[in-house]
Amino acid sequence: MAGALSHLKVLDLSRVLAGPWAAQLLADLGAEVIKVERPGVGDDTRSWGPPFLQDSQGQATRDAAYYLCTNRNKQSVTIDITQPEGQQLVRALVAQADVLIENYKLGGLAQYGLDYASLKAEFPRLVYCSITGFGQTGPYAPRAGYDFLVQAMGGLMSVTGRADAEEGAGPLKVGVAVTDILTGLYAANAIQAALAHRDRTGEGQHIDLALLDVQVACMANQAMNYLYGGTPPRRLGNGHPNVVPYQDFPTADGDVIIAVGNDAQFARLAGVLGRTEWAKDERFATNLARVANRVELVRLLRELTLKRSTADWVAALEAAEVPCGPINNMAQVFADPQVQQRGMKVEVTHATAGAIPLVANPIKLSATPVDYRQAPPTLGQHTDQVLQATLGLDADRIDALRARKVI
């Protein structure tokens, strides 16, 4: 069955992560996505290695694994938009598109006549999504914005890292470009909302998404703790600001995560630990009391968890229905039977490398499942195909454009 969004055509003028992530999600759900890249260079992440994809002869290609993570189910077309003929080609593609995604700096596409203001009158049904570091308005709008920078400015690093009194204290970024990914997810949602509006009114619109806005929004309970309580939250290492115990604990051979979400779970934890009296101890009986007595409780728990291995604790705690688990590296993640059963690794056939692994899309739809139609494309892999099939250009015209380095 065709994907849920198979009726849509998306023009992806974005690069790196946030925009491509949004476009890939739409593509996974069935949309036709054409990725427009710079001739000879392509998306910046193609060179962000190692590791680099190896071809069928075992030789390194020019495409990094980073690029592969966010560009499947797309067609790659190389067009030089700095040339007038290149701009005309892109406009011709826009004429057949439902959605355009771009993440140029503020005003970056205006000089080519490819900004929303330039396209709106001619293509009133177009949904145009702009992703920038700081948005289309405000004093920071002209600045370039990157995930690491925005994790800092948006408050995430103020709550990530060991507490000030601990060894190794200080702010840390998250180990994945989470602000970019969240922005891509917000973008895909916003695009579908704009398309729903267009279905009712016939009108497209401009979506203005900023990494900083997304990061602030995704501070969630930490932001609300501040807005309502008036005190900026502080770094707690792996601890939770509102729930205790909810962090890592050392074991005889590693670490275990214990995530107690309510008082009944804590009572069962106390039983497994041989400290049933804790469930009635006024210092620990309620979550409010445990938060107030965090330091003492965590100290006592660490003394006990050191006595058994991680596997022993996980088995005992799971049997008592206490949420827990190990801290897995990526090898352990993909060896995990739950991850395997859920199909979180897939294989696709790449144009030059043969079968390659990809991380699967986590969405499970019963009627219109995600479809892995094609591997991330090589640079310009579909240029001729798209120009012929979509724009109706013949071979002579394509050869002439290539000779003039327009494509």
Protein backbone atom coordinates (compact mmCIF):
# COMPACT_ATOMS: atom_id res chain seq x y z
CA MET A 1 0.00 0.00 0.00
CA ALA A 2 1.19 3.51 -0.80
CA GLY A 3 2.51 5.55 2.11
CA ALA A 4 0.22 7.95 3.94
CA LEU A 5 1.93 10.95 2.31
CA SER A 6 2.48 9.43 -1.14
CA HIS A 7 0.36 12.20 -2.69
CA LEU A 8 2.90 14.85 -1.68
CA LYS A 9 5.98 16.22 -3.42
CA VAL A 10 8.66 17.86 -1.31
CA LEU A 11 11.60 19.95 -2.49
CA ASP A 12 14.44 19.70 0.04
CA LEU A 13 16.86 22.63 -0.23
CA SER A 14 18.21 22.03 3.28
CA ARG A 15 21.44 20.44 4.44
CA VAL A 16 23.11 19.03 7.55
CA LEU A 17 20.47 17.71 10.01
CA ALA A 18 17.33 19.63 11.03
CA GLY A 19 15.89 20.20 7.55
CA PRO A 20 17.00 16.86 6.10
CA TRP A 21 15.54 15.08 9.17
CA ALA A 22 12.13 16.65 8.50
CA ALA A 23 12.32 15.79 4.81
CA GLN A 24 13.38 12.20 5.54
CA LEU A 25 10.46 11.73 7.92
CA LEU A 26 8.04 12.93 5.22
CA ALA A 27 9.78 10.64 2.72
CA ASP A 28 9.53 7.65 5.07
CA LEU A 29 5.80 8.29 5.24
CA GLY A 30 5.55 8.14 1.46
CA ALA A 31 6.23 11.64 0.14
CA GLU A 32 8.34 12.07 -2.99
CA VAL A 33 11.36 14.10 -1.88
CA ILE A 34 13.79 15.75 -4.28
CA LYS A 35 16.99 16.92 -2.57
CA VAL A 36 18.67 19.83 -4.37
CA GLU A 37 22.43 19.94 -3.76
CA ARG A 38 25.42 21.96 -4.90
CA PRO A 39 27.17 20.41 -7.90
CA GLY A 40 30.46 18.78 -6.98
CA VAL A 41 29.99 19.42 -3.25
CA GLY A 42 26.55 18.43 -2.04
CA ASP A 43 25.27 18.38 1.51
CA ASP A 44 27.96 19.38 4.02
CA THR A 45 27.50 16.12 5.93
CA ARG A 46 28.67 14.04 2.97
CA SER A 47 32.20 14.96 4.12
CA TRP A 48 31.58 14.72 7.87
CA GLY A 49 33.52 11.52 8.45
CA PRO A 50 34.99 9.16 9.28
CA PRO A 51 33.53 6.69 8.92
CA PHE A 52 32.84 6.87 5.20
CA LEU A 53 30.68 4.48 3.22
CA GLN A 54 32.69 1.83 1.37
CA ASP A 55 31.80 0.79 -2.15
CA SER A 56 31.43 -2.81 -3.32
CA GLN A 57 35.22 -3.05 -3.78
CA GLY A 58 35.86 -1.94 -0.20
CA GLN A 59 37.10 1.52 -1.17
CA ALA A 60 36.00 4.57 0.81
CA THR A 61 33.47 6.73 -1.00
CA ARG A 62 32.88 10.46 -0.55
CA ASP A 63 29.78 9.91 1.60
CA ALA A 64 30.05 9.85 5.40
CA ALA A 65 27.87 7.76 7.68
CA TYR A 66 26.54 11.05 9.08
CA TYR A 67 24.98 11.87 5.70
CA LEU A 68 23.40 8.41 5.51
CA CYS A 69 21.47 8.89 8.75
CA THR A 70 19.12 11.53 7.38
CA ASN A 71 18.77 11.23 3.60
CA ARG A 72 17.12 7.93 2.70
CA ASN A 73 14.07 7.79 0.41
CA LYS A 74 15.23 10.93 -1.44
CA GLN A 75 16.33 11.72 -4.97
CA SER A 76 19.48 13.82 -5.32
CA VAL A 77 19.57 16.51 -8.01
CA THR A 78 22.58 18.82 -8.37
CA ILE A 79 21.73 22.38 -9.42
CA ASP A 80 23.81 25.53 -9.15
CA ILE A 81 21.27 28.02 -7.83
CA THR A 82 23.72 30.90 -8.16
CA GLN A 83 23.18 30.76 -11.92
CA PRO A 84 19.94 32.14 -13.46
CA GLU A 85 19.33 28.89 -15.33
CA GLY A 86 19.71 26.99 -12.08
CA GLN A 87 17.17 29.27 -10.42
CA GLN A 88 14.77 28.62 -13.28
CA LEU A 89 15.15 24.88 -12.82
CA VAL A 90 14.39 25.14 -9.12
CA ARG A 91 11.33 27.30 -9.80
CA ALA A 92 10.15 24.70 -12.28
CA LEU A 93 10.47 22.07 -9.56
CA VAL A 94 8.65 24.35 -7.10
CA ALA A 95 5.77 24.56 -9.56
CA GLN A 96 5.17 20.84 -9.05
CA ALA A 97 5.90 20.72 -5.32
CA ASP A 98 3.60 20.87 -2.33
CA VAL A 99 6.36 21.68 0.16
CA LEU A 100 9.73 23.42 0.11
CA ILE A 101 12.15 23.01 3.04
CA GLU A 102 15.20 25.27 3.37
CA ASN A 103 17.67 26.21 6.08
CA TYR A 104 19.65 29.03 4.53
CA LYS A 105 20.62 31.99 6.68
CA LEU A 106 18.07 34.78 6.95
CA GLY A 107 17.51 36.22 3.46
CA GLY A 108 19.99 33.80 1.90
CA LEU A 109 17.62 32.68 -0.86
CA ALA A 110 16.23 36.14 -1.63
CA GLN A 111 19.16 36.96 -3.90
CA TYR A 112 18.18 33.99 -6.06
CA GLY A 113 14.46 34.75 -6.08
CA LEU A 114 13.79 31.55 -4.13
CA ASP A 115 12.64 33.03 -0.82
CA TYR A 116 9.02 32.75 0.27
CA ALA A 117 8.16 36.34 -0.63
CA SER A 118 9.41 35.79 -4.18
CA LEU A 119 7.56 32.50 -4.65
CA LYS A 120 4.29 33.18 -2.83
CA ALA A 121 2.47 35.10 -5.57
CA GLU A 122 3.27 32.57 -8.29
CA PHE A 123 2.76 29.49 -6.11
CA PRO A 124 0.06 30.41 -3.55
CA ARG A 125 -0.50 26.74 -2.54
CA LEU A 126 3.15 26.20 -1.59
CA VAL A 127 3.97 25.30 2.01
CA TYR A 128 7.39 26.85 2.58
CA CYS A 129 9.33 25.82 5.69
CA SER A 130 12.32 27.92 6.76
CA ILE A 131 14.60 26.53 9.48
CA THR A 132 17.19 28.87 10.99
CA GLY A 133 19.11 29.17 14.22
CA PHE A 134 17.13 32.10 15.57
CA GLY A 135 14.12 32.62 13.34
CA GLN A 136 13.02 35.21 10.80
CA THR A 137 12.62 37.97 13.40
CA GLY A 138 14.38 39.27 16.50
CA PRO A 139 17.83 40.74 17.19
CA TYR A 140 19.63 37.42 16.59
CA ALA A 141 17.85 36.60 13.31
CA PRO A 142 20.87 37.33 11.06
CA ARG A 143 23.19 35.07 13.07
CA ALA A 144 24.17 31.57 12.08
CA GLY A 145 22.93 29.00 14.58
CA TYR A 146 24.27 25.53 15.32
CA ASP A 147 22.98 22.79 17.57
CA PHE A 148 25.84 23.02 20.10
CA LEU A 149 25.47 26.78 20.35
CA VAL A 150 21.71 26.55 20.81
CA GLN A 151 21.98 23.79 23.44
CA ALA A 152 23.96 26.36 25.41
CA MET A 153 21.82 29.41 24.72
CA GLY A 154 18.52 27.56 25.14
CA GLY A 155 19.26 26.30 28.64
CA LEU A 156 19.90 22.62 27.98
CA MET A 157 23.55 22.75 29.01
CA SER A 158 22.66 24.53 32.23
CA VAL A 159 20.94 21.35 33.41
CA THR A 160 23.24 18.80 31.73
CA GLY A 161 26.40 17.65 33.52
CA ARG A 162 27.52 16.83 37.02
CA ALA A 163 26.39 19.00 39.90
CA ASP A 164 28.64 21.90 40.83
CA ALA A 165 29.87 20.25 44.04
CA GLU A 166 30.89 17.00 42.29
CA GLU A 167 34.15 16.04 40.63
CA GLY A 168 34.01 16.76 36.93
CA ALA A 169 31.31 19.38 37.39
CA GLY A 170 30.44 21.69 34.56
CA PRO A 171 28.05 22.07 31.64
CA LEU A 172 27.90 19.39 28.93
CA LYS A 173 26.10 19.13 25.64
CA VAL A 174 23.97 16.11 24.87
CA GLY A 175 25.88 13.48 22.87
CA VAL A 176 23.54 13.78 19.86
CA ALA A 177 22.51 16.97 18.05
CA VAL A 178 19.16 16.76 19.78
CA THR A 179 18.08 20.35 19.05
CA ASP A 180 18.46 19.75 15.31
CA ILE A 181 16.51 16.50 15.52
CA LEU A 182 13.71 18.02 17.59
CA THR A 183 13.52 20.93 15.16
CA GLY A 184 13.17 18.45 12.30
CA LEU A 185 10.34 16.71 14.12
CA TYR A 186 8.58 20.01 14.81
CA ALA A 187 9.06 20.96 11.16
CA ALA A 188 7.44 17.77 9.90
CA ASN A 189 4.48 18.37 12.23
CA ALA A 190 4.16 22.00 11.19
CA ILE A 191 4.30 21.07 7.51
CA GLN A 192 1.46 18.59 7.88
CA ALA A 193 -0.58 21.15 9.83
CA ALA A 194 -0.03 23.70 7.03
CA LEU A 195 -1.06 21.11 4.44
CA ALA A 196 -4.24 20.38 6.40
CA HIS A 197 -4.99 24.11 6.36
CA ARG A 198 -4.35 24.18 2.62
CA ASP A 199 -6.75 21.29 2.10
CA ARG A 200 -9.51 23.44 3.61
CA THR A 201 -8.60 26.83 2.16
CA GLY A 202 -6.39 26.25 -0.87
CA GLU A 203 -3.75 28.51 0.68
CA GLY A 204 -0.16 27.66 1.48
CA GLN A 205 1.87 29.47 4.11
CA HIS A 206 5.32 30.21 5.49
CA ILE A 207 6.61 28.19 8.45
CA ASP A 208 9.24 29.98 10.54
CA LEU A 209 11.12 27.50 12.76
CA ALA A 210 14.07 28.47 14.94
CA LEU A 211 16.42 26.09 16.72
CA LEU A 212 16.48 28.38 19.76
CA ASP A 213 12.67 28.44 19.98
CA VAL A 214 12.55 24.66 19.78
CA GLN A 215 15.23 24.24 22.46
CA VAL A 216 13.40 26.58 24.83
CA ALA A 217 10.11 24.76 24.21
CA CYS A 218 11.74 21.38 24.82
CA MET A 219 13.04 22.39 28.23
CA ALA A 220 9.55 21.25 29.21
CA ASN A 221 9.30 20.57 32.97
CA GLN A 222 12.62 22.31 33.64
CA ALA A 223 11.31 25.50 32.03
CA MET A 224 8.04 25.27 33.93
CA ASN A 225 9.87 24.60 37.19
CA TYR A 226 11.59 27.95 36.66
CA LEU A 227 8.56 29.90 35.39
CA TYR A 228 6.41 28.74 38.27
CA GLY A 229 8.99 28.39 41.03
CA GLY A 230 11.25 31.29 40.12
CA THR A 231 14.52 29.42 40.68
CA PRO A 232 16.66 28.41 37.69
CA PRO A 233 17.16 24.62 37.74
CA ARG A 234 20.67 23.35 38.34
CA ARG A 235 22.73 20.47 37.06
CA LEU A 236 22.08 17.20 38.86
CA GLY A 237 24.20 14.82 36.83
CA ASN A 238 21.91 11.92 36.00
CA GLY A 239 19.47 12.85 38.74
CA HIS A 240 15.93 14.08 38.14
CA PRO A 241 14.83 17.46 39.52
CA ASN A 242 11.38 16.21 40.56
CA VAL A 243 11.69 12.45 41.11
CA VAL A 244 13.99 10.41 43.42
CA PRO A 245 15.51 7.86 42.96
CA TYR A 246 15.72 8.34 39.21
CA GLN A 247 19.36 8.03 38.11
CA ASP A 248 22.37 5.75 37.70
CA PHE A 249 23.80 3.69 40.54
CA PRO A 250 27.15 1.83 40.66
CA THR A 251 27.12 -1.95 40.71
CA ALA A 252 29.81 -4.57 41.27
CA ASP A 253 30.67 -4.58 37.55
CA GLY A 254 29.25 -1.36 36.12
CA ASP A 255 26.12 0.69 36.55
CA VAL A 256 22.37 0.29 36.67
CA ILE A 257 19.60 2.81 36.03
CA ILE A 258 16.81 2.85 38.61
CA ALA A 259 13.82 4.98 37.61
CA VAL A 260 11.24 5.02 40.40
CA GLY A 261 8.15 6.91 39.26
CA ASN A 262 5.85 6.56 42.27
CA ASP A 263 5.72 5.54 45.92
CA ALA A 264 4.51 2.00 45.21
CA GLN A 265 7.54 1.39 43.02
CA PHE A 266 9.78 2.74 45.77
CA ALA A 267 8.24 0.35 48.28
CA ARG A 268 8.99 -2.56 45.94
CA LEU A 269 12.55 -1.26 45.45
CA ALA A 270 13.02 -1.14 49.21
CA GLY A 271 11.86 -4.74 49.43
CA VAL A 272 14.36 -5.93 46.79
CA LEU A 273 17.12 -4.07 48.64
CA GLY A 274 16.16 -5.70 51.96
CA ARG A 275 15.18 -2.32 53.41
CA THR A 276 11.42 -2.67 53.67
CA GLU A 277 11.41 -0.13 56.53
CA TRP A 278 12.27 2.62 54.06
CA ALA A 279 8.74 2.48 52.65
CA LYS A 280 7.46 3.79 56.00
CA ASP A 281 10.41 6.02 56.88
CA GLU A 282 9.20 9.63 56.88
CA ARG A 283 12.41 10.64 55.07
CA PHE A 284 11.69 8.36 52.11
CA ALA A 285 8.05 7.23 52.14
CA THR A 286 6.85 9.85 49.64
CA ASN A 287 8.46 11.32 46.56
CA LEU A 288 8.30 14.79 48.11
CA ALA A 289 10.28 13.51 51.10
CA ARG A 290 12.74 11.66 48.86
CA VAL A 291 13.43 14.82 46.86
CA ALA A 292 14.07 16.71 50.09
CA ASN A 293 16.38 13.95 51.33
CA ARG A 294 17.96 13.16 47.96
CA VAL A 295 21.60 13.22 49.09
CA GLU A 296 21.12 10.83 52.00
CA LEU A 297 18.94 8.37 50.06
CA VAL A 298 21.26 8.25 47.07
CA ARG A 299 24.22 7.60 49.38
CA LEU A 300 22.43 4.71 51.05
CA LEU A 301 21.34 3.24 47.72
CA ARG A 302 24.85 3.37 46.29
CA GLU A 303 26.22 1.46 49.26
CA LEU A 304 23.76 -1.36 48.51
CA THR A 305 23.90 -1.46 44.69
CA LEU A 306 27.67 -1.97 44.76
CA LYS A 307 27.16 -5.44 46.25
CA ARG A 308 25.72 -7.13 43.13
CA SER A 309 26.29 -7.10 39.38
CA THR A 310 24.23 -5.08 36.95
CA ALA A 311 22.63 -8.22 35.52
CA ASP A 312 21.66 -9.43 39.01
CA TRP A 313 20.06 -6.12 39.89
CA VAL A 314 18.18 -5.87 36.60
CA ALA A 315 16.80 -9.39 37.03
CA ALA A 316 15.73 -8.79 40.64
CA LEU A 317 14.24 -5.35 40.03
CA GLU A 318 12.39 -6.39 36.89
CA ALA A 319 10.88 -9.30 38.79
CA ALA A 320 9.56 -6.78 41.31
CA GLU A 321 8.32 -4.45 38.54
CA VAL A 322 10.75 -1.69 39.42
CA PRO A 323 11.79 0.22 36.25
CA CYS A 324 15.49 -0.35 35.66
CA GLY A 325 18.05 -1.15 33.02
CA PRO A 326 21.71 -1.19 32.00
CA ILE A 327 23.62 1.63 30.30
CA ASN A 328 24.19 0.23 26.82
CA ASN A 329 26.73 1.28 24.24
CA MET A 330 25.64 1.22 20.59
CA ALA A 331 26.86 -2.35 20.06
CA GLN A 332 24.74 -3.48 23.00
CA VAL A 333 21.78 -1.43 21.78
CA PHE A 334 21.63 -3.20 18.42
CA ALA A 335 22.22 -6.59 20.09
CA ASP A 336 19.31 -6.02 22.47
CA PRO A 337 16.48 -8.49 21.75
CA GLN A 338 13.83 -5.81 22.18
CA VAL A 339 15.53 -3.49 19.68
CA GLN A 340 15.96 -6.41 17.29
CA GLN A 341 12.36 -7.55 17.61
CA ARG A 342 11.16 -4.01 16.91
CA GLY A 343 13.19 -3.94 13.71
CA MET A 344 15.26 -0.86 14.53
CA LYS A 345 17.96 -1.82 12.02
CA VAL A 346 17.09 -2.21 8.36
CA GLU A 347 19.09 -2.92 5.23
CA VAL A 348 18.76 -1.11 1.92
CA THR A 349 20.59 -1.40 -1.37
CA HIS A 350 22.93 1.50 -2.08
CA ALA A 351 23.89 2.54 -5.61
CA THR A 352 27.61 1.90 -5.11
CA ALA A 353 27.96 -0.01 -1.83
CA GLY A 354 25.35 -2.73 -2.16
CA ALA A 355 23.49 -3.67 1.02
CA ILE A 356 24.02 -1.16 3.84
CA PRO A 357 22.47 -0.91 7.32
CA LEU A 358 20.34 2.05 8.39
CA VAL A 359 18.63 2.98 11.63
CA ALA A 360 14.91 2.38 11.15
CA ASN A 361 12.11 4.87 11.56
CA PRO A 362 10.41 4.21 14.94
CA ILE A 363 6.87 4.93 13.66
CA LYS A 364 4.71 1.83 13.41
CA LEU A 365 1.57 2.41 11.31
CA SER A 366 -0.84 -0.50 10.88
CA ALA A 367 -2.35 0.54 7.53
CA THR A 368 0.36 2.66 5.88
CA PRO A 369 3.69 1.47 7.29
CA VAL A 370 7.00 3.21 6.71
CA ASP A 371 8.58 2.10 3.45
CA TYR A 372 12.33 1.99 2.83
CA ARG A 373 12.18 2.55 -0.91
CA GLN A 374 15.75 3.58 -1.57
CA ALA A 375 19.08 4.21 0.11
CA PRO A 376 20.47 7.70 0.66
CA PRO A 377 21.41 8.84 -2.86
CA THR A 378 24.86 9.49 -4.22
CA LEU A 379 25.49 13.10 -5.19
CA GLY A 380 23.41 13.94 -8.26
CA GLN A 381 22.29 10.33 -8.67
CA HIS A 382 18.85 11.35 -9.96
CA THR A 383 19.63 14.61 -11.77
CA ASP A 384 18.96 13.31 -15.29
CA GLN A 385 15.99 11.22 -14.18
CA VAL A 386 14.24 14.10 -12.43
CA LEU A 387 14.92 16.64 -15.13
CA GLN A 388 13.58 14.25 -17.76
CA ALA A 389 10.60 12.76 -15.93
CA THR A 390 9.55 15.74 -13.83
CA LEU A 391 10.48 18.72 -16.01
CA GLY A 392 10.35 17.06 -19.43
CA LEU A 393 13.86 18.08 -20.50
CA ASP A 394 15.44 16.08 -23.30
CA ALA A 395 18.96 14.67 -23.31
CA ASP A 396 20.38 17.50 -25.42
CA ARG A 397 19.08 20.16 -23.03
CA ILE A 398 20.46 18.27 -20.04
CA ASP A 399 23.85 17.88 -21.71
CA ALA A 400 23.90 21.62 -22.44
CA LEU A 401 23.09 22.47 -18.83
CA ARG A 402 25.85 20.16 -17.65
CA ALA A 403 28.33 21.71 -20.06
CA ARG A 404 27.55 25.13 -18.57
CA LYS A 405 27.91 23.65 -15.06
CA VAL A 406 24.32 24.56 -14.18
CA ILE A 407 23.82 20.94 -13.09
